[in-house]
Each structure stands twice: as C-alpha cells, then as structure tokens.
C-alpha cells in the first residue's frame, strides 16, 4: 500500500453508495479501477494485515495533517459496498476512531 490517501477520491464531491460521484461514469470507472488496484495490492495478505496497514497509514496521515475526515468518509463510502454487514460495521468503527485523532 503506497499511502492511505491514494485510495480515496480527491475532492469533496458527494458520492453514492458505490463511492462514485453522482451522475458521473468517469468517477464510477475511477472507483472500479481503484478497487482493482486495492485488490491487487492486498492479494495474499490476511485480513488482519490489511486492517493493520490501513489503520497505520490513516493514523500517520491524520497526525501529519495530510488526511482529512472527508478523505476517511470517501474511503469508507468506497469500501463499504464491498463488505458484509459485520465487516462494514467494523470499518465504520475504525473510521470513527480515526476521525477522533
């Protein structure tokens, strides 16, 4: 994983449940490409390793001031549709924790 922010969409535009910006197929395609890139980056890693990497990168970004709460929201909106209910809930809890840093 290069850095946490590289996996979030830039800009503060509203996103739908898939993480794509409303009414924009280019941004939808960008989200699909981002998901494929993430899948490749995490291939062969355990769920725990992935989670630790995400949290570590996010904590670093928050402390350095390079990661905003909007970036965290975009990250959640992008990943949430790919997760089952329990994992989505866990991701939501992690995002809330990171927002408080």
C-alpha atoms as a PDB file:
ATOM      1  CA  UNK A   1       0.000   0.000   0.000  1.00  0.00           C
ATOM      2  CA  UNK A   2       1.540   3.283  -1.074  1.00  0.00           C
ATOM      3  CA  UNK A   3      -0.403   5.575   1.220  1.00  0.00           C
ATOM      4  CA  UNK A   4      -3.932   5.772   2.556  1.00  0.00           C
ATOM      5  CA  UNK A   5      -4.921   8.906   0.669  1.00  0.00           C
ATOM      6  CA  UNK A   6      -4.095   7.358  -2.708  1.00  0.00           C
ATOM      7  CA  UNK A   7      -7.098   5.069  -2.196  1.00  0.00           C
ATOM      8  CA  UNK A   8      -9.598   7.879  -1.611  1.00  0.00           C
ATOM      9  CA  UNK A   9     -11.223  10.006  -4.240  1.00  0.00           C
ATOM     10  CA  UNK A  10      -9.921  13.539  -4.455  1.00  0.00           C
ATOM     11  CA  UNK A  11     -12.211  16.470  -3.972  1.00  0.00           C
ATOM     12  CA  UNK A  12     -15.189  16.914  -1.731  1.00  0.00           C
ATOM     13  CA  UNK A  13     -17.928  15.892  -4.143  1.00  0.00           C
ATOM     14  CA  UNK A  14     -20.905  13.885  -2.976  1.00  0.00           C
ATOM     15  CA  UNK A  15     -20.653  10.162  -3.582  1.00  0.00           C
ATOM     16  CA  UNK A  16     -23.295   7.488  -3.892  1.00  0.00           C
ATOM     17  CA  UNK A  17     -23.300   4.077  -2.183  1.00  0.00           C
ATOM     18  CA  UNK A  18     -20.671   2.731  -4.592  1.00  0.00           C
ATOM     19  CA  UNK A  19     -18.323   5.629  -3.919  1.00  0.00           C
ATOM     20  CA  UNK A  20     -18.891   7.020  -7.403  1.00  0.00           C
ATOM     21  CA  UNK A  21     -19.826  10.643  -7.745  1.00  0.00           C
ATOM     22  CA  UNK A  22     -23.465  11.057  -8.620  1.00  0.00           C
ATOM     23  CA  UNK A  23     -24.102  11.278 -12.353  1.00  0.00           C
ATOM     24  CA  UNK A  24     -20.531  10.697 -13.411  1.00  0.00           C
ATOM     25  CA  UNK A  25     -19.498   7.495 -15.182  1.00  0.00           C
ATOM     26  CA  UNK A  26     -15.860   8.635 -15.269  1.00  0.00           C
ATOM     27  CA  UNK A  27     -15.748   8.734 -11.494  1.00  0.00           C
ATOM     28  CA  UNK A  28     -17.547   5.395 -11.293  1.00  0.00           C
ATOM     29  CA  UNK A  29     -14.895   3.875 -13.567  1.00  0.00           C
ATOM     30  CA  UNK A  30     -12.211   5.518 -11.451  1.00  0.00           C
ATOM     31  CA  UNK A  31     -13.699   3.839  -8.359  1.00  0.00           C
ATOM     32  CA  UNK A  32     -13.781   0.461 -10.091  1.00  0.00           C
ATOM     33  CA  UNK A  33     -10.154   0.893 -11.142  1.00  0.00           C
ATOM     34  CA  UNK A  34      -9.227   1.906  -7.596  1.00  0.00           C
ATOM     35  CA  UNK A  35     -10.930  -1.206  -6.203  1.00  0.00           C
ATOM     36  CA  UNK A  36      -8.999  -3.394  -8.643  1.00  0.00           C
ATOM     37  CA  UNK A  37      -5.741  -1.691  -7.657  1.00  0.00           C
ATOM     38  CA  UNK A  38      -6.536  -2.237  -3.970  1.00  0.00           C
ATOM     39  CA  UNK A  39      -7.346  -5.894  -4.557  1.00  0.00           C
ATOM     40  CA  UNK A  40      -4.003  -6.361  -6.298  1.00  0.00           C
ATOM     41  CA  UNK A  41      -2.117  -4.525  -3.527  1.00  0.00           C
ATOM     42  CA  UNK A  42      -3.703  -6.694  -0.835  1.00  0.00           C
ATOM     43  CA  UNK A  43      -3.523 -10.003  -2.726  1.00  0.00           C
ATOM     44  CA  UNK A  44      -2.157 -12.742  -0.486  1.00  0.00           C
ATOM     45  CA  UNK A  45      -2.399 -10.715   2.708  1.00  0.00           C
ATOM     46  CA  UNK A  46      -4.547 -11.735   5.639  1.00  0.00           C
ATOM     47  CA  UNK A  47      -7.480  -9.640   6.763  1.00  0.00           C
ATOM     48  CA  UNK A  48      -5.516  -8.670   9.881  1.00  0.00           C
ATOM     49  CA  UNK A  49      -2.532  -7.498   7.828  1.00  0.00           C
ATOM     50  CA  UNK A  50      -4.771  -5.421   5.591  1.00  0.00           C
ATOM     51  CA  UNK A  51      -6.529  -3.852   8.555  1.00  0.00           C
ATOM     52  CA  UNK A  52      -3.249  -3.054  10.309  1.00  0.00           C
ATOM     53  CA  UNK A  53      -1.865  -1.449   7.147  1.00  0.00           C
ATOM     54  CA  UNK A  54      -4.960   0.693   6.641  1.00  0.00           C
ATOM     55  CA  UNK A  55      -5.017   1.852  10.264  1.00  0.00           C
ATOM     56  CA  UNK A  56      -1.289   2.601  10.376  1.00  0.00           C
ATOM     57  CA  UNK A  57      -1.409   4.639   7.164  1.00  0.00           C
ATOM     58  CA  UNK A  58      -4.506   6.517   8.283  1.00  0.00           C
ATOM     59  CA  UNK A  59      -3.075   7.325  11.709  1.00  0.00           C
ATOM     60  CA  UNK A  60       0.097   8.623  10.100  1.00  0.00           C
ATOM     61  CA  UNK A  61      -1.877  10.753   7.644  1.00  0.00           C
ATOM     62  CA  UNK A  62      -4.080  12.211  10.396  1.00  0.00           C
ATOM     63  CA  UNK A  63      -1.079  13.097  12.561  1.00  0.00           C
ATOM     64  CA  UNK A  64       0.738  14.700   9.619  1.00  0.00           C
ATOM     65  CA  UNK A  65      -2.374  16.619   8.621  1.00  0.00           C
ATOM     66  CA  UNK A  66      -2.476  15.072   5.143  1.00  0.00           C
ATOM     67  CA  UNK A  67      -5.629  13.033   5.747  1.00  0.00           C
ATOM     68  CA  UNK A  68      -8.951  14.736   6.415  1.00  0.00           C
ATOM     69  CA  UNK A  69     -12.207  13.408   7.792  1.00  0.00           C
ATOM     70  CA  UNK A  70     -13.676  13.861   4.300  1.00  0.00           C
ATOM     71  CA  UNK A  71     -10.962  11.565   2.940  1.00  0.00           C
ATOM     72  CA  UNK A  72     -11.913   8.993   5.565  1.00  0.00           C
ATOM     73  CA  UNK A  73     -15.579   9.291   4.591  1.00  0.00           C
ATOM     74  CA  UNK A  74     -14.710   8.804   0.922  1.00  0.00           C
ATOM     75  CA  UNK A  75     -12.603   5.765   1.796  1.00  0.00           C
ATOM     76  CA  UNK A  76     -15.487   4.284   3.786  1.00  0.00           C
ATOM     77  CA  UNK A  77     -18.003   5.010   1.027  1.00  0.00           C
ATOM     78  CA  UNK A  78     -15.740   3.292  -1.490  1.00  0.00           C
ATOM     79  CA  UNK A  79     -15.118   0.134   0.544  1.00  0.00           C
ATOM     80  CA  UNK A  80     -18.404  -0.332   2.410  1.00  0.00           C
ATOM     81  CA  UNK A  81     -20.339  -1.809  -0.536  1.00  0.00           C
ATOM     82  CA  UNK A  82     -17.659  -4.492  -0.901  1.00  0.00           C
ATOM     83  CA  UNK A  83     -18.023  -5.708   2.699  1.00  0.00           C
ATOM     84  CA  UNK A  84     -20.558  -7.821   4.545  1.00  0.00           C
ATOM     85  CA  UNK A  85     -22.534  -6.324   7.439  1.00  0.00           C
ATOM     86  CA  UNK A  86     -20.084  -7.245  10.229  1.00  0.00           C
ATOM     87  CA  UNK A  87     -17.011  -6.012   8.344  1.00  0.00           C
ATOM     88  CA  UNK A  88     -18.825  -2.836   7.293  1.00  0.00           C
ATOM     89  CA  UNK A  89     -19.690  -2.164  10.959  1.00  0.00           C
ATOM     90  CA  UNK A  90     -16.044  -2.773  11.972  1.00  0.00           C
ATOM     91  CA  UNK A  91     -14.809  -0.400   9.257  1.00  0.00           C
ATOM     92  CA  UNK A  92     -17.299   2.241  10.435  1.00  0.00           C
ATOM     93  CA  UNK A  93     -15.941   1.919  13.999  1.00  0.00           C
ATOM     94  CA  UNK A  94     -12.359   2.246  12.782  1.00  0.00           C
ATOM     95  CA  UNK A  95     -13.212   5.326  10.706  1.00  0.00           C
ATOM     96  CA  UNK A  96     -14.886   6.941  13.738  1.00  0.00           C
ATOM     97  CA  UNK A  97     -11.795   6.207  15.850  1.00  0.00           C
ATOM     98  CA  UNK A  98      -9.517   7.698  13.194  1.00  0.00           C
ATOM     99  CA  UNK A  99     -11.663  10.819  12.919  1.00  0.00           C
ATOM    100  CA  UNK A 100     -11.046  11.499  16.607  1.00  0.00           C
ATOM    101  CA  UNK A 101      -7.247  11.608  16.129  1.00  0.00           C
END
